[in-house]
Amino acid sequence: MWELWEWNGQYVKGNKLKRSKTKQTVIKHAEKHIEYDRIVEGSNKGEFFLEDEERRPVGMIINREK
């Protein structure tokens, strides 16, 4: 399951916005609800950060495997 998390002012993984089976569904939801400039791959497998134009993380996408 793919999860979309939004920055809540203190933590990047602060507010969970969406949970879906496909990555594309989560990305489409992020385009509508989070203002970001680029998607950067994280250090772990299945982890992506959403960054603004100043390269600050404003959200993240995580793959939670069973």
PDB file of N, CA and C in Angstrom:
ATOM      1  N   MET A   1       0.842  -1.177   0.000  1.00  0.00           N
ATOM      2  CA  MET A   1       0.000   0.000   0.000  1.00  0.00           C
ATOM      3  C   MET A   1       0.890   1.244   0.000  1.00  0.00           C
ATOM      4  N   TRP A   2       0.537   2.182  -0.818  1.00  0.00           N
ATOM      5  CA  TRP A   2       1.244   3.459  -0.907  1.00  0.00           C
ATOM      6  C   TRP A   2       0.540   4.480  -0.024  1.00  0.00           C
ATOM      7  N   GLU A   3       1.322   5.258   0.720  1.00  0.00           N
ATOM      8  CA  GLU A   3       0.770   6.270   1.610  1.00  0.00           C
ATOM      9  C   GLU A   3       1.350   7.634   1.265  1.00  0.00           C
ATOM     10  N   LEU A   4       0.511   8.658   1.340  1.00  0.00           N
ATOM     11  CA  LEU A   4       0.917  10.039   1.115  1.00  0.00           C
ATOM     12  C   LEU A   4       0.863  10.767   2.449  1.00  0.00           C
ATOM     13  N   TRP A   5       1.991  11.360   2.854  1.00  0.00           N
ATOM     14  CA  TRP A   5       2.088  12.096   4.103  1.00  0.00           C
ATOM     15  C   TRP A   5       2.408  13.558   3.804  1.00  0.00           C
ATOM     16  N   GLU A   6       1.858  14.457   4.620  1.00  0.00           N
ATOM     17  CA  GLU A   6       2.046  15.896   4.444  1.00  0.00           C
ATOM     18  C   GLU A   6       2.783  16.468   5.646  1.00  0.00           C
ATOM     19  N   TRP A   7       3.598  17.486   5.415  1.00  0.00           N
ATOM     20  CA  TRP A   7       4.320  18.180   6.476  1.00  0.00           C
ATOM     21  C   TRP A   7       3.329  18.968   7.313  1.00  0.00           C
ATOM     22  N   ASN A   8       3.391  18.833   8.633  1.00  0.00           N
ATOM     23  CA  ASN A   8       2.438  19.510   9.510  1.00  0.00           C
ATOM     24  C   ASN A   8       3.050  20.686  10.255  1.00  0.00           C
ATOM     25  N   GLY A   9       4.205  21.155   9.838  1.00  0.00           N
ATOM     26  CA  GLY A   9       4.868  22.265  10.502  1.00  0.00           C
ATOM     27  C   GLY A   9       6.006  21.813  11.385  1.00  0.00           C
ATOM     28  N   GLN A  10       5.991  20.552  11.798  1.00  0.00           N
ATOM     29  CA  GLN A  10       7.047  20.037  12.651  1.00  0.00           C
ATOM     30  C   GLN A  10       7.694  18.784  12.060  1.00  0.00           C
ATOM     31  N   TYR A  11       6.870  17.873  11.525  1.00  0.00           N
ATOM     32  CA  TYR A  11       7.363  16.611  10.979  1.00  0.00           C
ATOM     33  C   TYR A  11       6.944  16.473   9.517  1.00  0.00           C
ATOM     34  N   VAL A  12       7.836  15.888   8.706  1.00  0.00           N
ATOM     35  CA  VAL A  12       7.489  15.625   7.303  1.00  0.00           C
ATOM     36  C   VAL A  12       6.407  14.561   7.252  1.00  0.00           C
ATOM     37  N   LYS A  13       6.503  13.596   8.123  1.00  0.00           N
ATOM     38  CA  LYS A  13       5.512  12.526   8.193  1.00  0.00           C
ATOM     39  C   LYS A  13       4.490  12.890   9.270  1.00  0.00           C
ATOM     40  N   GLY A  14       3.781  14.001   9.059  1.00  0.00           N
ATOM     41  CA  GLY A  14       2.872  14.529  10.062  1.00  0.00           C
ATOM     42  C   GLY A  14       1.428  14.137   9.862  1.00  0.00           C
ATOM     43  N   ASN A  15       0.844  14.466   8.720  1.00  0.00           N
ATOM     44  CA  ASN A  15      -0.567  14.182   8.446  1.00  0.00           C
ATOM     45  C   ASN A  15      -0.694  13.213   7.285  1.00  0.00           C
ATOM     46  N   LYS A  16      -1.374  12.087   7.507  1.00  0.00           N
ATOM     47  CA  LYS A  16      -1.595  11.132   6.417  1.00  0.00           C
ATOM     48  C   LYS A  16      -2.782  11.608   5.591  1.00  0.00           C
ATOM     49  N   LEU A  17      -2.571  11.779   4.277  1.00  0.00           N
ATOM     50  CA  LEU A  17      -3.616  12.276   3.394  1.00  0.00           C
ATOM     51  C   LEU A  17      -4.299  11.178   2.599  1.00  0.00           C
ATOM     52  N   LYS A  18      -3.547  10.187   2.133  1.00  0.00           N
ATOM     53  CA  LYS A  18      -4.110   9.200   1.204  1.00  0.00           C
ATOM     54  C   LYS A  18      -3.404   7.873   1.376  1.00  0.00           C
ATOM     55  N   ARG A  19      -4.156   6.795   1.186  1.00  0.00           N
ATOM     56  CA  ARG A  19      -3.607   5.451   1.162  1.00  0.00           C
ATOM     57  C   ARG A  19      -4.228   4.739  -0.025  1.00  0.00           C
ATOM     58  N   SER A  20      -3.393   4.149  -0.887  1.00  0.00           N
ATOM     59  CA  SER A  20      -3.895   3.538  -2.110  1.00  0.00           C
ATOM     60  C   SER A  20      -3.030   2.354  -2.505  1.00  0.00           C
ATOM     61  N   LYS A  21      -3.549   1.541  -3.419  1.00  0.00           N
ATOM     62  CA  LYS A  21      -2.803   0.386  -3.906  1.00  0.00           C
ATOM     63  C   LYS A  21      -1.764   0.759  -4.958  1.00  0.00           C
ATOM     64  N   THR A  22      -1.974   1.871  -5.680  1.00  0.00           N
ATOM     65  CA  THR A  22      -1.051   2.238  -6.755  1.00  0.00           C
ATOM     66  C   THR A  22      -0.351   3.556  -6.456  1.00  0.00           C
ATOM     67  N   LYS A  23       0.856   3.664  -6.943  1.00  0.00           N
ATOM     68  CA  LYS A  23       1.652   4.875  -6.744  1.00  0.00           C
ATOM     69  C   LYS A  23       1.081   6.044  -7.541  1.00  0.00           C
ATOM     70  N   GLN A  24       0.560   5.780  -8.727  1.00  0.00           N
ATOM     71  CA  GLN A  24       0.028   6.848  -9.574  1.00  0.00           C
ATOM     72  C   GLN A  24      -1.166   7.543  -8.928  1.00  0.00           C
ATOM     73  N   THR A  25      -2.010   6.810  -8.234  1.00  0.00           N
ATOM     74  CA  THR A  25      -3.153   7.408  -7.556  1.00  0.00           C
ATOM     75  C   THR A  25      -2.697   8.355  -6.460  1.00  0.00           C
ATOM     76  N   VAL A  26      -1.673   7.961  -5.727  1.00  0.00           N
ATOM     77  CA  VAL A  26      -1.146   8.805  -4.654  1.00  0.00           C
ATOM     78  C   VAL A  26      -0.495  10.065  -5.226  1.00  0.00           C
ATOM     79  N   ILE A  27       0.208   9.950  -6.348  1.00  0.00           N
ATOM     80  CA  ILE A  27       0.844  11.113  -6.971  1.00  0.00           C
ATOM     81  C   ILE A  27      -0.204  12.092  -7.486  1.00  0.00           C
ATOM     82  N   LYS A  28      -1.277  11.593  -8.076  1.00  0.00           N
ATOM     83  CA  LYS A  28      -2.349  12.475  -8.539  1.00  0.00           C
ATOM     84  C   LYS A  28      -3.003  13.214  -7.379  1.00  0.00           C
ATOM     85  N   HIS A  29      -3.176  12.547  -6.254  1.00  0.00           N
ATOM     86  CA  HIS A  29      -3.753  13.183  -5.073  1.00  0.00           C
ATOM     87  C   HIS A  29      -2.799  14.245  -4.519  1.00  0.00           C
ATOM     88  N   ALA A  30      -1.497  13.979  -4.573  1.00  0.00           N
ATOM     89  CA  ALA A  30      -0.502  14.938  -4.091  1.00  0.00           C
ATOM     90  C   ALA A  30      -0.478  16.191  -4.963  1.00  0.00           C
ATOM     91  N   GLU A  31      -0.661  16.033  -6.273  1.00  0.00           N
ATOM     92  CA  GLU A  31      -0.671  17.181  -7.179  1.00  0.00           C
ATOM     93  C   GLU A  31      -1.819  18.133  -6.850  1.00  0.00           C
ATOM     94  N   LYS A  32      -2.930  17.595  -6.374  1.00  0.00           N
ATOM     95  CA  LYS A  32      -4.088  18.423  -6.062  1.00  0.00           C
ATOM     96  C   LYS A  32      -4.001  19.084  -4.692  1.00  0.00           C
ATOM     97  N   HIS A  33      -3.341  18.433  -3.718  1.00  0.00           N
ATOM     98  CA  HIS A  33      -3.419  18.895  -2.343  1.00  0.00           C
ATOM     99  C   HIS A  33      -2.115  19.440  -1.751  1.00  0.00           C
ATOM    100  N   ILE A  34      -0.974  19.169  -2.365  1.00  0.00           N
ATOM    101  CA  ILE A  34       0.317  19.645  -1.847  1.00  0.00           C
ATOM    102  C   ILE A  34       1.011  20.435  -2.938  1.00  0.00           C
ATOM    103  N   GLU A  35       1.533  21.608  -2.574  1.00  0.00           N
ATOM    104  CA  GLU A  35       2.308  22.411  -3.524  1.00  0.00           C
ATOM    105  C   GLU A  35       3.771  21.976  -3.428  1.00  0.00           C
ATOM    106  N   TYR A  36       4.235  21.251  -4.442  1.00  0.00           N
ATOM    107  CA  TYR A  36       5.625  20.799  -4.477  1.00  0.00           C
ATOM    108  C   TYR A  36       6.206  21.038  -5.854  1.00  0.00           C
ATOM    109  N   ASP A  37       7.544  21.037  -5.918  1.00  0.00           N
ATOM    110  CA  ASP A  37       8.234  21.324  -7.170  1.00  0.00           C
ATOM    111  C   ASP A  37       8.813  20.062  -7.806  1.00  0.00           C
ATOM    112  N   ARG A  38       9.295  19.136  -6.983  1.00  0.00           N
ATOM    113  CA  ARG A  38       9.937  17.924  -7.518  1.00  0.00           C
ATOM    114  C   ARG A  38       9.738  16.757  -6.570  1.00  0.00           C
ATOM    115  N   ILE A  39       9.937  15.556  -7.108  1.00  0.00           N
ATOM    116  CA  ILE A  39       9.900  14.324  -6.323  1.00  0.00           C
ATOM    117  C   ILE A  39      11.315  13.756  -6.303  1.00  0.00           C
ATOM    118  N   VAL A  40      11.836  13.517  -5.098  1.00  0.00           N
ATOM    119  CA  VAL A  40      13.196  13.023  -4.920  1.00  0.00           C
ATOM    120  C   VAL A  40      13.139  11.658  -4.246  1.00  0.00           C
ATOM    121  N   GLU A  41      13.937  10.726  -4.744  1.00  0.00           N
ATOM    122  CA  GLU A  41      13.967   9.386  -4.166  1.00  0.00           C
ATOM    123  C   GLU A  41      14.721   9.421  -2.841  1.00  0.00           C
ATOM    124  N   GLY A  42      14.196   8.752  -1.842  1.00  0.00           N
ATOM    125  CA  GLY A  42      14.817   8.701  -0.522  1.00  0.00           C
ATOM    126  C   GLY A  42      15.892   7.638  -0.437  1.00  0.00           C
ATOM    127  N   SER A  43      16.482   7.512   0.743  1.00  0.00           N
ATOM    128  CA  SER A  43      17.564   6.545   0.927  1.00  0.00           C
ATOM    129  C   SER A  43      17.037   5.114   1.037  1.00  0.00           C
ATOM    130  N   ASN A  44      15.804   4.938   1.501  1.00  0.00           N
ATOM    131  CA  ASN A  44      15.206   3.604   1.593  1.00  0.00           C
ATOM    132  C   ASN A  44      14.413   3.278   0.340  1.00  0.00           C
ATOM    133  N   LYS A  45      14.246   1.986   0.088  1.00  0.00           N
ATOM    134  CA  LYS A  45      13.476   1.536  -1.070  1.00  0.00           C
ATOM    135  C   LYS A  45      12.005   1.845  -0.844  1.00  0.00           C
ATOM    136  N   GLY A  46      11.337   2.417  -1.841  1.00  0.00           N
ATOM    137  CA  GLY A  46       9.926   2.731  -1.735  1.00  0.00           C
ATOM    138  C   GLY A  46       9.642   4.001  -0.967  1.00  0.00           C
ATOM    139  N   GLU A  47      10.612   4.917  -0.892  1.00  0.00           N
ATOM    140  CA  GLU A  47      10.443   6.165  -0.147  1.00  0.00           C
ATOM    141  C   GLU A  47      10.771   7.339  -1.078  1.00  0.00           C
ATOM    142  N   PHE A  48       9.846   8.282  -1.190  1.00  0.00           N
ATOM    143  CA  PHE A  48      10.029   9.445  -2.044  1.00  0.00           C
ATOM    144  C   PHE A  48       9.635  10.698  -1.272  1.00  0.00           C
ATOM    145  N   PHE A  49      10.417  11.772  -1.449  1.00  0.00           N
ATOM    146  CA  PHE A  49      10.136  13.031  -0.791  1.00  0.00           C
ATOM    147  C   PHE A  49       9.613  14.045  -1.799  1.00  0.00           C
ATOM    148  N   LEU A  50       8.629  14.826  -1.399  1.00  0.00           N
ATOM    149  CA  LEU A  50       8.108  15.918  -2.208  1.00  0.00           C
ATOM    150  C   LEU A  50       8.770  17.195  -1.698  1.00  0.00           C
ATOM    151  N   GLU A  51       9.484  17.900  -2.581  1.00  0.00           N
ATOM    152  CA  GLU A  51      10.223  19.088  -2.183  1.00  0.00           C
ATOM    153  C   GLU A  51       9.695  20.320  -2.883  1.00  0.00           C
ATOM    154  N   ASP A  52       9.808  21.476  -2.208  1.00  0.00           N
ATOM    155  CA  ASP A  52       9.418  22.736  -2.824  1.00  0.00           C
ATOM    156  C   ASP A  52      10.598  23.306  -3.609  1.00  0.00           C
ATOM    157  N   GLU A  53      10.461  24.538  -4.116  1.00  0.00           N
ATOM    158  CA  GLU A  53      11.511  25.117  -4.965  1.00  0.00           C
ATOM    159  C   GLU A  53      12.789  25.417  -4.197  1.00  0.00           C
ATOM    160  N   GLU A  54      12.735  25.498  -2.870  1.00  0.00           N
ATOM    161  CA  GLU A  54      13.931  25.715  -2.061  1.00  0.00           C
ATOM    162  C   GLU A  54      14.506  24.411  -1.521  1.00  0.00           C
ATOM    163  N   ARG A  55      14.035  23.287  -2.045  1.00  0.00           N
ATOM    164  CA  ARG A  55      14.473  21.938  -1.709  1.00  0.00           C
ATOM    165  C   ARG A  55      14.191  21.561  -0.255  1.00  0.00           C
ATOM    166  N   ARG A  56      13.122  22.111   0.312  1.00  0.00           N
ATOM    167  CA  ARG A  56      12.672  21.703   1.638  1.00  0.00           C
ATOM    168  C   ARG A  56      11.595  20.642   1.474  1.00  0.00           C
ATOM    169  N   PRO A  57      11.638  19.565   2.261  1.00  0.00           N
ATOM    170  CA  PRO A  57      10.605  18.535   2.133  1.00  0.00           C
ATOM    171  C   PRO A  57       9.262  19.036   2.653  1.00  0.00           C
ATOM    172  N   VAL A  58       8.217  18.858   1.860  1.00  0.00           N
ATOM    173  CA  VAL A  58       6.863  19.269   2.252  1.00  0.00           C
ATOM    174  C   VAL A  58       5.925  18.065   2.333  1.00  0.00           C
ATOM    175  N   GLY A  59       6.421  16.884   1.995  1.00  0.00           N
ATOM    176  CA  GLY A  59       5.619  15.676   2.059  1.00  0.00           C
ATOM    177  C   GLY A  59       6.444  14.474   1.661  1.00  0.00           C
ATOM    178  N   MET A  60       5.846  13.290   1.814  1.00  0.00           N
ATOM    179  CA  MET A  60       6.551  12.083   1.407  1.00  0.00           C
ATOM    180  C   MET A  60       5.565  11.011   0.983  1.00  0.00           C
ATOM    181  N   ILE A  61       6.068  10.127   0.123  1.00  0.00           N
ATOM    182  CA  ILE A  61       5.303   8.975  -0.352  1.00  0.00           C
ATOM    183  C   ILE A  61       6.065   7.723   0.083  1.00  0.00           C
ATOM    184  N   ILE A  62       5.366   6.802   0.730  1.00  0.00           N
ATOM    185  CA  ILE A  62       5.984   5.603   1.278  1.00  0.00           C
ATOM    186  C   ILE A  62       5.233   4.379   0.772  1.00  0.00           C
ATOM    187  N   ASN A  63       5.977   3.336   0.454  1.00  0.00           N
ATOM    188  CA  ASN A  63       5.380   2.046   0.092  1.00  0.00           C
ATOM    189  C   ASN A  63       5.428   1.145   1.317  1.00  0.00           C
ATOM    190  N   ARG A  64       4.266   0.848   1.872  1.00  0.00           N
ATOM    191  CA  ARG A  64       4.154  -0.041   3.032  1.00  0.00           C
ATOM    192  C   ARG A  64       3.795  -1.421   2.534  1.00  0.00           C
ATOM    193  N   GLU A  65       4.772  -2.322   2.496  1.00  0.00           N
ATOM    194  CA  GLU A  65       4.513  -3.681   2.038  1.00  0.00           C
ATOM    195  C   GLU A  65       4.062  -4.535   3.213  1.00  0.00           C
ATOM    196  N   LYS A  66       3.239  -5.521   2.926  1.00  0.00           N
ATOM    197  CA  LYS A  66       2.738  -6.407   3.985  1.00  0.00           C
ATOM    198  C   LYS A  66       3.776  -7.423   4.369  1.00  0.00           C
TER     199      LYS A  66
END
